[in-house]
Amino acid sequence: MPRSAVPDSQRMSFRIKPADKAVILRATQLAGAAGITDFVLRTVLDASREIIKRNDRIVLSERDGLRVLEALENPPAPNEKLIAAARALPADL
């Protein structure tokens, strides 16, 4: 019977192929990490932070940045679709 997920658990478990584990162990040794848990956690956290950073911000060229600023300073008049969408919103927003 599968274990239920515990949202506040501080433990993660997963299965890994022996060949993959051997690669991770070798990398752990080469990195001089204190242990496999330390190495995996550090590596996964670094990769996770990088993925989040890449997806949490948009990098614009100078030209596109100027276009965004121009649109913010001088927004176009609302079209029919925008007006209809605004009217469809609940009144308490």
PDB file of N, CA and C in Angstrom:
ATOM      1  N   MET A   1       0.843  -1.172   0.000  1.00  0.00           N
ATOM      2  CA  MET A   1       0.000   0.000   0.000  1.00  0.00           C
ATOM      3  C   MET A   1       0.890   1.238   0.000  1.00  0.00           C
ATOM      4  N   PRO A   2       0.621   2.192  -0.925  1.00  0.00           N
ATOM      5  CA  PRO A   2       1.444   3.394  -0.978  1.00  0.00           C
ATOM      6  C   PRO A   2       1.258   4.264   0.249  1.00  0.00           C
ATOM      7  N   ARG A   3       2.337   4.934   0.621  1.00  0.00           N
ATOM      8  CA  ARG A   3       2.273   5.857   1.752  1.00  0.00           C
ATOM      9  C   ARG A   3       1.597   7.148   1.316  1.00  0.00           C
ATOM     10  N   SER A   4       0.844   7.725   2.223  1.00  0.00           N
ATOM     11  CA  SER A   4       0.206   9.004   1.903  1.00  0.00           C
ATOM     12  C   SER A   4       1.230  10.123   2.029  1.00  0.00           C
ATOM     13  N   ALA A   5       1.047  11.153   1.227  1.00  0.00           N
ATOM     14  CA  ALA A   5       1.958  12.298   1.264  1.00  0.00           C
ATOM     15  C   ALA A   5       1.679  13.124   2.509  1.00  0.00           C
ATOM     16  N   VAL A   6       2.732  13.501   3.189  1.00  0.00           N
ATOM     17  CA  VAL A   6       2.612  14.342   4.374  1.00  0.00           C
ATOM     18  C   VAL A   6       3.176  15.704   3.999  1.00  0.00           C
ATOM     19  N   PRO A   7       2.330  16.753   3.967  1.00  0.00           N
ATOM     20  CA  PRO A   7       2.789  18.051   3.484  1.00  0.00           C
ATOM     21  C   PRO A   7       3.945  18.653   4.270  1.00  0.00           C
ATOM     22  N   ASP A   8       4.041  18.371   5.556  1.00  0.00           N
ATOM     23  CA  ASP A   8       5.105  19.005   6.336  1.00  0.00           C
ATOM     24  C   ASP A   8       6.281  18.068   6.610  1.00  0.00           C
ATOM     25  N   SER A   9       6.369  16.985   5.858  1.00  0.00           N
ATOM     26  CA  SER A   9       7.453  16.027   6.058  1.00  0.00           C
ATOM     27  C   SER A   9       8.796  16.651   5.681  1.00  0.00           C
ATOM     28  N   GLN A  10       9.807  16.324   6.457  1.00  0.00           N
ATOM     29  CA  GLN A  10      11.142  16.804   6.148  1.00  0.00           C
ATOM     30  C   GLN A  10      11.960  15.736   5.442  1.00  0.00           C
ATOM     31  N   ARG A  11      11.324  14.661   5.073  1.00  0.00           N
ATOM     32  CA  ARG A  11      12.018  13.557   4.426  1.00  0.00           C
ATOM     33  C   ARG A  11      11.437  13.361   3.039  1.00  0.00           C
ATOM     34  N   MET A  12      12.321  13.102   2.082  1.00  0.00           N
ATOM     35  CA  MET A  12      11.895  12.767   0.724  1.00  0.00           C
ATOM     36  C   MET A  12      12.493  11.411   0.384  1.00  0.00           C
ATOM     37  N   SER A  13      11.687  10.562  -0.199  1.00  0.00           N
ATOM     38  CA  SER A  13      12.169   9.249  -0.600  1.00  0.00           C
ATOM     39  C   SER A  13      11.854   9.032  -2.067  1.00  0.00           C
ATOM     40  N   PHE A  14      12.790   8.432  -2.778  1.00  0.00           N
ATOM     41  CA  PHE A  14      12.534   8.070  -4.166  1.00  0.00           C
ATOM     42  C   PHE A  14      13.439   6.914  -4.555  1.00  0.00           C
ATOM     43  N   ARG A  15      13.007   6.191  -5.547  1.00  0.00           N
ATOM     44  CA  ARG A  15      13.794   5.063  -6.045  1.00  0.00           C
ATOM     45  C   ARG A  15      14.726   5.556  -7.146  1.00  0.00           C
ATOM     46  N   ILE A  16      15.885   4.905  -7.235  1.00  0.00           N
ATOM     47  CA  ILE A  16      16.876   5.311  -8.227  1.00  0.00           C
ATOM     48  C   ILE A  16      17.567   4.063  -8.763  1.00  0.00           C
ATOM     49  N   LYS A  17      17.871   4.077 -10.037  1.00  0.00           N
ATOM     50  CA  LYS A  17      18.578   2.951 -10.646  1.00  0.00           C
ATOM     51  C   LYS A  17      19.997   2.893 -10.093  1.00  0.00           C
ATOM     52  N   PRO A  18      20.528   1.694  -9.935  1.00  0.00           N
ATOM     53  CA  PRO A  18      21.894   1.560  -9.409  1.00  0.00           C
ATOM     54  C   PRO A  18      22.934   2.356 -10.205  1.00  0.00           C
ATOM     55  N   ALA A  19      22.808   2.369 -11.521  1.00  0.00           N
ATOM     56  CA  ALA A  19      23.774   3.108 -12.344  1.00  0.00           C
ATOM     57  C   ALA A  19      23.682   4.616 -12.082  1.00  0.00           C
ATOM     58  N   ASP A  20      22.461   5.110 -11.904  1.00  0.00           N
ATOM     59  CA  ASP A  20      22.287   6.534 -11.610  1.00  0.00           C
ATOM     60  C   ASP A  20      22.850   6.873 -10.237  1.00  0.00           C
ATOM     61  N   LYS A  21      22.634   5.982  -9.264  1.00  0.00           N
ATOM     62  CA  LYS A  21      23.166   6.213  -7.924  1.00  0.00           C
ATOM     63  C   LYS A  21      24.692   6.234  -7.953  1.00  0.00           C
ATOM     64  N   ALA A  22      25.282   5.356  -8.759  1.00  0.00           N
ATOM     65  CA  ALA A  22      26.744   5.325  -8.862  1.00  0.00           C
ATOM     66  C   ALA A  22      27.275   6.647  -9.409  1.00  0.00           C
ATOM     67  N   VAL A  23      26.578   7.211 -10.382  1.00  0.00           N
ATOM     68  CA  VAL A  23      26.989   8.508 -10.937  1.00  0.00           C
ATOM     69  C   VAL A  23      26.906   9.590  -9.870  1.00  0.00           C
ATOM     70  N   ILE A  24      25.814   9.593  -9.116  1.00  0.00           N
ATOM     71  CA  ILE A  24      25.633  10.593  -8.067  1.00  0.00           C
ATOM     72  C   ILE A  24      26.681  10.431  -6.971  1.00  0.00           C
ATOM     73  N   LEU A  25      26.964   9.202  -6.604  1.00  0.00           N
ATOM     74  CA  LEU A  25      27.999   8.966  -5.589  1.00  0.00           C
ATOM     75  C   LEU A  25      29.361   9.456  -6.063  1.00  0.00           C
ATOM     76  N   ARG A  26      29.676   9.203  -7.307  1.00  0.00           N
ATOM     77  CA  ARG A  26      30.961   9.653  -7.875  1.00  0.00           C
ATOM     78  C   ARG A  26      31.038  11.179  -7.870  1.00  0.00           C
ATOM     79  N   ALA A  27      29.946  11.821  -8.280  1.00  0.00           N
ATOM     80  CA  ALA A  27      29.911  13.285  -8.292  1.00  0.00           C
ATOM     81  C   ALA A  27      30.012  13.831  -6.873  1.00  0.00           C
ATOM     82  N   THR A  28      29.392  13.137  -5.925  1.00  0.00           N
ATOM     83  CA  THR A  28      29.466  13.546  -4.521  1.00  0.00           C
ATOM     84  C   THR A  28      30.909  13.565  -4.055  1.00  0.00           C
ATOM     85  N   GLN A  29      31.652  12.508  -4.403  1.00  0.00           N
ATOM     86  CA  GLN A  29      33.062  12.433  -4.015  1.00  0.00           C
ATOM     87  C   GLN A  29      33.887  13.523  -4.692  1.00  0.00           C
ATOM     88  N   LEU A  30      33.663  13.717  -5.986  1.00  0.00           N
ATOM     89  CA  LEU A  30      34.431  14.719  -6.725  1.00  0.00           C
ATOM     90  C   LEU A  30      34.150  16.133  -6.229  1.00  0.00           C
ATOM     91  N   ALA A  31      32.922  16.370  -5.774  1.00  0.00           N
ATOM     92  CA  ALA A  31      32.552  17.697  -5.282  1.00  0.00           C
ATOM     93  C   ALA A  31      33.029  17.931  -3.858  1.00  0.00           C
ATOM     94  N   GLY A  32      33.494  16.866  -3.210  1.00  0.00           N
ATOM     95  CA  GLY A  32      33.952  16.999  -1.837  1.00  0.00           C
ATOM     96  C   GLY A  32      32.817  17.273  -0.865  1.00  0.00           C
ATOM     97  N   ALA A  33      31.626  16.821  -1.213  1.00  0.00           N
ATOM     98  CA  ALA A  33      30.464  17.036  -0.353  1.00  0.00           C
ATOM     99  C   ALA A  33      30.563  16.152   0.886  1.00  0.00           C
ATOM    100  N   ALA A  34      29.893  16.572   1.932  1.00  0.00           N
ATOM    101  CA  ALA A  34      29.923  15.823   3.195  1.00  0.00           C
ATOM    102  C   ALA A  34      29.265  14.460   3.059  1.00  0.00           C
ATOM    103  N   GLY A  35      28.339  14.352   2.162  1.00  0.00           N
ATOM    104  CA  GLY A  35      27.636  13.091   1.952  1.00  0.00           C
ATOM    105  C   GLY A  35      26.666  13.225   0.803  1.00  0.00           C
ATOM    106  N   ILE A  36      26.064  12.110   0.437  1.00  0.00           N
ATOM    107  CA  ILE A  36      25.164  12.110  -0.718  1.00  0.00           C
ATOM    108  C   ILE A  36      23.950  13.013  -0.479  1.00  0.00           C
ATOM    109  N   THR A  37      23.423  13.012   0.751  1.00  0.00           N
ATOM    110  CA  THR A  37      22.268  13.862   1.038  1.00  0.00           C
ATOM    111  C   THR A  37      22.632  15.327   0.867  1.00  0.00           C
ATOM    112  N   ASP A  38      23.771  15.714   1.415  1.00  0.00           N
ATOM    113  CA  ASP A  38      24.240  17.090   1.282  1.00  0.00           C
ATOM    114  C   ASP A  38      24.416  17.453  -0.186  1.00  0.00           C
ATOM    115  N   PHE A  39      25.066  16.583  -0.949  1.00  0.00           N
ATOM    116  CA  PHE A  39      25.316  16.853  -2.355  1.00  0.00           C
ATOM    117  C   PHE A  39      24.018  16.969  -3.145  1.00  0.00           C
ATOM    118  N   VAL A  40      23.121  15.998  -2.972  1.00  0.00           N
ATOM    119  CA  VAL A  40      21.860  16.008  -3.730  1.00  0.00           C
ATOM    120  C   VAL A  40      21.039  17.230  -3.354  1.00  0.00           C
ATOM    121  N   LEU A  41      20.932  17.519  -2.073  1.00  0.00           N
ATOM    122  CA  LEU A  41      20.145  18.665  -1.645  1.00  0.00           C
ATOM    123  C   LEU A  41      20.716  19.962  -2.189  1.00  0.00           C
ATOM    124  N   ARG A  42      22.029  20.131  -2.067  1.00  0.00           N
ATOM    125  CA  ARG A  42      22.664  21.356  -2.570  1.00  0.00           C
ATOM    126  C   ARG A  42      22.474  21.501  -4.080  1.00  0.00           C
ATOM    127  N   THR A  43      22.666  20.404  -4.817  1.00  0.00           N
ATOM    128  CA  THR A  43      22.550  20.433  -6.266  1.00  0.00           C
ATOM    129  C   THR A  43      21.118  20.704  -6.712  1.00  0.00           C
ATOM    130  N   VAL A  44      20.169  20.029  -6.080  1.00  0.00           N
ATOM    131  CA  VAL A  44      18.759  20.219  -6.439  1.00  0.00           C
ATOM    132  C   VAL A  44      18.297  21.625  -6.076  1.00  0.00           C
ATOM    133  N   LEU A  45      18.705  22.128  -4.928  1.00  0.00           N
ATOM    134  CA  LEU A  45      18.321  23.486  -4.543  1.00  0.00           C
ATOM    135  C   LEU A  45      18.904  24.521  -5.498  1.00  0.00           C
ATOM    136  N   ASP A  46      20.174  24.353  -5.884  1.00  0.00           N
ATOM    137  CA  ASP A  46      20.780  25.281  -6.848  1.00  0.00           C
ATOM    138  C   ASP A  46      20.017  25.264  -8.164  1.00  0.00           C
ATOM    139  N   ALA A  47      19.726  24.068  -8.668  1.00  0.00           N
ATOM    140  CA  ALA A  47      18.993  23.939  -9.929  1.00  0.00           C
ATOM    141  C   ALA A  47      17.584  24.508  -9.783  1.00  0.00           C
ATOM    142  N   SER A  48      16.938  24.257  -8.662  1.00  0.00           N
ATOM    143  CA  SER A  48      15.579  24.757  -8.432  1.00  0.00           C
ATOM    144  C   SER A  48      15.552  26.276  -8.399  1.00  0.00           C
ATOM    145  N   ARG A  49      16.507  26.868  -7.708  1.00  0.00           N
ATOM    146  CA  ARG A  49      16.563  28.335  -7.641  1.00  0.00           C
ATOM    147  C   ARG A  49      16.792  28.942  -9.020  1.00  0.00           C
ATOM    148  N   GLU A  50      17.642  28.323  -9.808  1.00  0.00           N
ATOM    149  CA  GLU A  50      17.917  28.816 -11.159  1.00  0.00           C
ATOM    150  C   GLU A  50      16.668  28.728 -12.033  1.00  0.00           C
ATOM    151  N   ILE A  51      15.956  27.623 -11.964  1.00  0.00           N
ATOM    152  CA  ILE A  51      14.720  27.459 -12.740  1.00  0.00           C
ATOM    153  C   ILE A  51      13.701  28.507 -12.325  1.00  0.00           C
ATOM    154  N   ILE A  52      13.552  28.721 -11.023  1.00  0.00           N
ATOM    155  CA  ILE A  52      12.605  29.720 -10.529  1.00  0.00           C
ATOM    156  C   ILE A  52      13.018  31.110 -11.001  1.00  0.00           C
ATOM    157  N   LYS A  53      14.305  31.421 -10.912  1.00  0.00           N
ATOM    158  CA  LYS A  53      14.799  32.731 -11.330  1.00  0.00           C
ATOM    159  C   LYS A  53      14.531  32.976 -12.816  1.00  0.00           C
ATOM    160  N   ARG A  54      14.775  31.952 -13.633  1.00  0.00           N
ATOM    161  CA  ARG A  54      14.536  32.090 -15.079  1.00  0.00           C
ATOM    162  C   ARG A  54      13.059  32.292 -15.389  1.00  0.00           C
ATOM    163  N   ASN A  55      12.187  31.725 -14.579  1.00  0.00           N
ATOM    164  CA  ASN A  55      10.758  31.795 -14.869  1.00  0.00           C
ATOM    165  C   ASN A  55      10.041  32.920 -14.141  1.00  0.00           C
ATOM    166  N   ASP A  56      10.671  33.541 -13.162  1.00  0.00           N
ATOM    167  CA  ASP A  56      10.033  34.611 -12.410  1.00  0.00           C
ATOM    168  C   ASP A  56      10.286  35.996 -12.983  1.00  0.00           C
ATOM    169  N   ARG A  57      11.145  36.101 -13.929  1.00  0.00           N
ATOM    170  CA  ARG A  57      11.398  37.413 -14.506  1.00  0.00           C
ATOM    171  C   ARG A  57      11.553  37.298 -16.012  1.00  0.00           C
ATOM    172  N   ILE A  58      11.274  38.392 -16.659  1.00  0.00           N
ATOM    173  CA  ILE A  58      11.392  38.461 -18.115  1.00  0.00           C
ATOM    174  C   ILE A  58      12.507  39.443 -18.430  1.00  0.00           C
ATOM    175  N   VAL A  59      13.416  39.035 -19.262  1.00  0.00           N
ATOM    176  CA  VAL A  59      14.508  39.910 -19.666  1.00  0.00           C
ATOM    177  C   VAL A  59      14.152  40.483 -21.037  1.00  0.00           C
ATOM    178  N   LEU A  60      14.073  41.794 -21.094  1.00  0.00           N
ATOM    179  CA  LEU A  60      13.717  42.466 -22.341  1.00  0.00           C
ATOM    180  C   LEU A  60      14.940  43.133 -22.952  1.00  0.00           C
ATOM    181  N   SER A  61      14.907  43.226 -24.266  1.00  0.00           N
ATOM    182  CA  SER A  61      15.930  44.020 -24.941  1.00  0.00           C
ATOM    183  C   SER A  61      15.654  45.487 -24.605  1.00  0.00           C
ATOM    184  N   GLU A  62      16.603  46.353 -24.881  1.00  0.00           N
ATOM    185  CA  GLU A  62      16.397  47.777 -24.615  1.00  0.00           C
ATOM    186  C   GLU A  62      15.197  48.295 -25.391  1.00  0.00           C
ATOM    187  N   ARG A  63      15.086  47.878 -26.640  1.00  0.00           N
ATOM    188  CA  ARG A  63      13.970  48.310 -27.493  1.00  0.00           C
ATOM    189  C   ARG A  63      12.631  47.884 -26.898  1.00  0.00           C
ATOM    190  N   ASP A  64      12.539  46.612 -26.483  1.00  0.00           N
ATOM    191  CA  ASP A  64      11.283  46.121 -25.924  1.00  0.00           C
ATOM    192  C   ASP A  64      10.977  46.765 -24.579  1.00  0.00           C
ATOM    193  N   GLY A  65      12.003  47.015 -23.785  1.00  0.00           N
ATOM    194  CA  GLY A  65      11.801  47.695 -22.518  1.00  0.00           C
ATOM    195  C   GLY A  65      11.227  49.090 -22.724  1.00  0.00           C
ATOM    196  N   LEU A  66      11.740  49.793 -23.732  1.00  0.00           N
ATOM    197  CA  LEU A  66      11.216  51.124 -24.042  1.00  0.00           C
ATOM    198  C   LEU A  66       9.775  51.060 -24.525  1.00  0.00           C
ATOM    199  N   ARG A  67       9.446  49.996 -25.274  1.00  0.00           N
ATOM    200  CA  ARG A  67       8.058  49.832 -25.741  1.00  0.00           C
ATOM    201  C   ARG A  67       7.113  49.593 -24.575  1.00  0.00           C
ATOM    202  N   VAL A  68       7.550  48.802 -23.590  1.00  0.00           N
ATOM    203  CA  VAL A  68       6.719  48.553 -22.414  1.00  0.00           C
ATOM    204  C   VAL A  68       6.512  49.848 -21.639  1.00  0.00           C
ATOM    205  N   LEU A  69       7.586  50.595 -21.425  1.00  0.00           N
ATOM    206  CA  LEU A  69       7.466  51.867 -20.713  1.00  0.00           C
ATOM    207  C   LEU A  69       6.544  52.835 -21.447  1.00  0.00           C
ATOM    208  N   GLU A  70       6.653  52.875 -22.756  1.00  0.00           N
ATOM    209  CA  GLU A  70       5.781  53.740 -23.564  1.00  0.00           C
ATOM    210  C   GLU A  70       4.319  53.336 -23.406  1.00  0.00           C
ATOM    211  N   ALA A  71       4.055  52.027 -23.435  1.00  0.00           N
ATOM    212  CA  ALA A  71       2.681  51.549 -23.277  1.00  0.00           C
ATOM    213  C   ALA A  71       2.139  51.847 -21.881  1.00  0.00           C
ATOM    214  N   LEU A  72       3.003  51.786 -20.864  1.00  0.00           N
ATOM    215  CA  LEU A  72       2.567  52.113 -19.506  1.00  0.00           C
ATOM    216  C   LEU A  72       2.277  53.611 -19.351  1.00  0.00           C
ATOM    217  N   GLU A  73       3.111  54.425 -19.967  1.00  0.00           N
ATOM    218  CA  GLU A  73       2.930  55.867 -19.857  1.00  0.00           C
ATOM    219  C   GLU A  73       1.788  56.378 -20.737  1.00  0.00           C
ATOM    220  N   ASN A  74       1.575  55.725 -21.869  1.00  0.00           N
ATOM    221  CA  ASN A  74       0.537  56.138 -22.821  1.00  0.00           C
ATOM    222  C   ASN A  74      -0.271  54.919 -23.244  1.00  0.00           C
ATOM    223  N   PRO A  75      -1.101  54.395 -22.353  1.00  0.00           N
ATOM    224  CA  PRO A  75      -1.836  53.174 -22.692  1.00  0.00           C
ATOM    225  C   PRO A  75      -2.841  53.421 -23.814  1.00  0.00           C
ATOM    226  N   PRO A  76      -3.079  52.404 -24.641  1.00  0.00           N
ATOM    227  CA  PRO A  76      -4.071  52.560 -25.707  1.00  0.00           C
ATOM    228  C   PRO A  76      -5.477  52.604 -25.102  1.00  0.00           C
ATOM    229  N   ALA A  77      -6.401  53.152 -25.836  1.00  0.00           N
ATOM    230  CA  ALA A  77      -7.793  53.187 -25.385  1.00  0.00           C
ATOM    231  C   ALA A  77      -8.328  51.767 -25.317  1.00  0.00           C
ATOM    232  N   PRO A  78      -9.201  51.484 -24.340  1.00  0.00           N
ATOM    233  CA  PRO A  78      -9.747  50.126 -24.234  1.00  0.00           C
ATOM    234  C   PRO A  78     -10.618  49.773 -25.439  1.00  0.00           C
ATOM    235  N   ASN A  79     -10.469  48.538 -25.920  1.00  0.00           N
ATOM    236  CA  ASN A  79     -11.300  48.091 -27.039  1.00  0.00           C
ATOM    237  C   ASN A  79     -12.562  47.417 -26.490  1.00  0.00           C
ATOM    238  N   GLU A  80     -13.426  46.964 -27.371  1.00  0.00           N
ATOM    239  CA  GLU A  80     -14.704  46.375 -26.961  1.00  0.00           C
ATOM    240  C   GLU A  80     -14.517  45.135 -26.083  1.00  0.00           C
ATOM    241  N   LYS A  81     -13.546  44.289 -26.423  1.00  0.00           N
ATOM    242  CA  LYS A  81     -13.318  43.070 -25.635  1.00  0.00           C
ATOM    243  C   LYS A  81     -12.902  43.411 -24.208  1.00  0.00           C
ATOM    244  N   LEU A  82     -12.033  44.395 -24.050  1.00  0.00           N
ATOM    245  CA  LEU A  82     -11.582  44.791 -22.712  1.00  0.00           C
ATOM    246  C   LEU A  82     -12.742  45.379 -21.903  1.00  0.00           C
ATOM    247  N   ILE A  83     -13.540  46.186 -22.550  1.00  0.00           N
ATOM    248  CA  ILE A  83     -14.700  46.779 -21.871  1.00  0.00           C
ATOM    249  C   ILE A  83     -15.675  45.685 -21.437  1.00  0.00           C
ATOM    250  N   ALA A  84     -15.937  44.728 -22.317  1.00  0.00           N
ATOM    251  CA  ALA A  84     -16.848  43.619 -21.983  1.00  0.00           C
ATOM    252  C   ALA A  84     -16.280  42.787 -20.828  1.00  0.00           C
ATOM    253  N   ALA A  85     -14.976  42.547 -20.831  1.00  0.00           N
ATOM    254  CA  ALA A  85     -14.352  41.769 -19.758  1.00  0.00           C
ATOM    255  C   ALA A  85     -14.450  42.521 -18.437  1.00  0.00           C
ATOM    256  N   ALA A  86     -14.258  43.825 -18.455  1.00  0.00           N
ATOM    257  CA  ALA A  86     -14.352  44.618 -17.235  1.00  0.00           C
ATOM    258  C   ALA A  86     -15.783  44.606 -16.700  1.00  0.00           C
ATOM    259  N   ARG A  87     -16.751  44.679 -17.580  1.00  0.00           N
ATOM    260  CA  ARG A  87     -18.155  44.642 -17.135  1.00  0.00           C
ATOM    261  C   ARG A  87     -18.539  43.285 -16.569  1.00  0.00           C
ATOM    262  N   ALA A  88     -17.861  42.235 -17.013  1.00  0.00           N
ATOM    263  CA  ALA A  88     -18.172  40.877 -16.544  1.00  0.00           C
ATOM    264  C   ALA A  88     -17.578  40.586 -15.165  1.00  0.00           C
ATOM    265  N   LEU A  89     -16.689  41.422 -14.681  1.00  0.00           N
ATOM    266  CA  LEU A  89     -16.078  41.225 -13.367  1.00  0.00           C
ATOM    267  C   LEU A  89     -17.107  41.436 -12.249  1.00  0.00           C
ATOM    268  N   PRO A  90     -16.943  40.734 -11.143  1.00  0.00           N
ATOM    269  CA  PRO A  90     -17.825  40.984  -9.998  1.00  0.00           C
ATOM    270  C   PRO A  90     -17.678  42.423  -9.511  1.00  0.00           C
ATOM    271  N   ALA A  91     -18.724  42.973  -8.996  1.00  0.00           N
ATOM    272  CA  ALA A  91     -18.738  44.387  -8.581  1.00  0.00           C
ATOM    273  C   ALA A  91     -17.808  44.661  -7.404  1.00  0.00           C
ATOM    274  N   ASP A  92     -17.528  43.648  -6.571  1.00  0.00           N
ATOM    275  CA  ASP A  92     -16.713  43.890  -5.378  1.00  0.00           C
ATOM    276  C   ASP A  92     -15.217  43.881  -5.639  1.00  0.00           C
ATOM    277  N   LEU A  93     -14.786  43.767  -6.878  1.00  0.00           N
ATOM    278  CA  LEU A  93     -13.344  43.819  -7.173  1.00  0.00           C
ATOM    279  C   LEU A  93     -12.935  45.221  -7.312  1.00  0.00           C
TER     280      LEU A  93
END
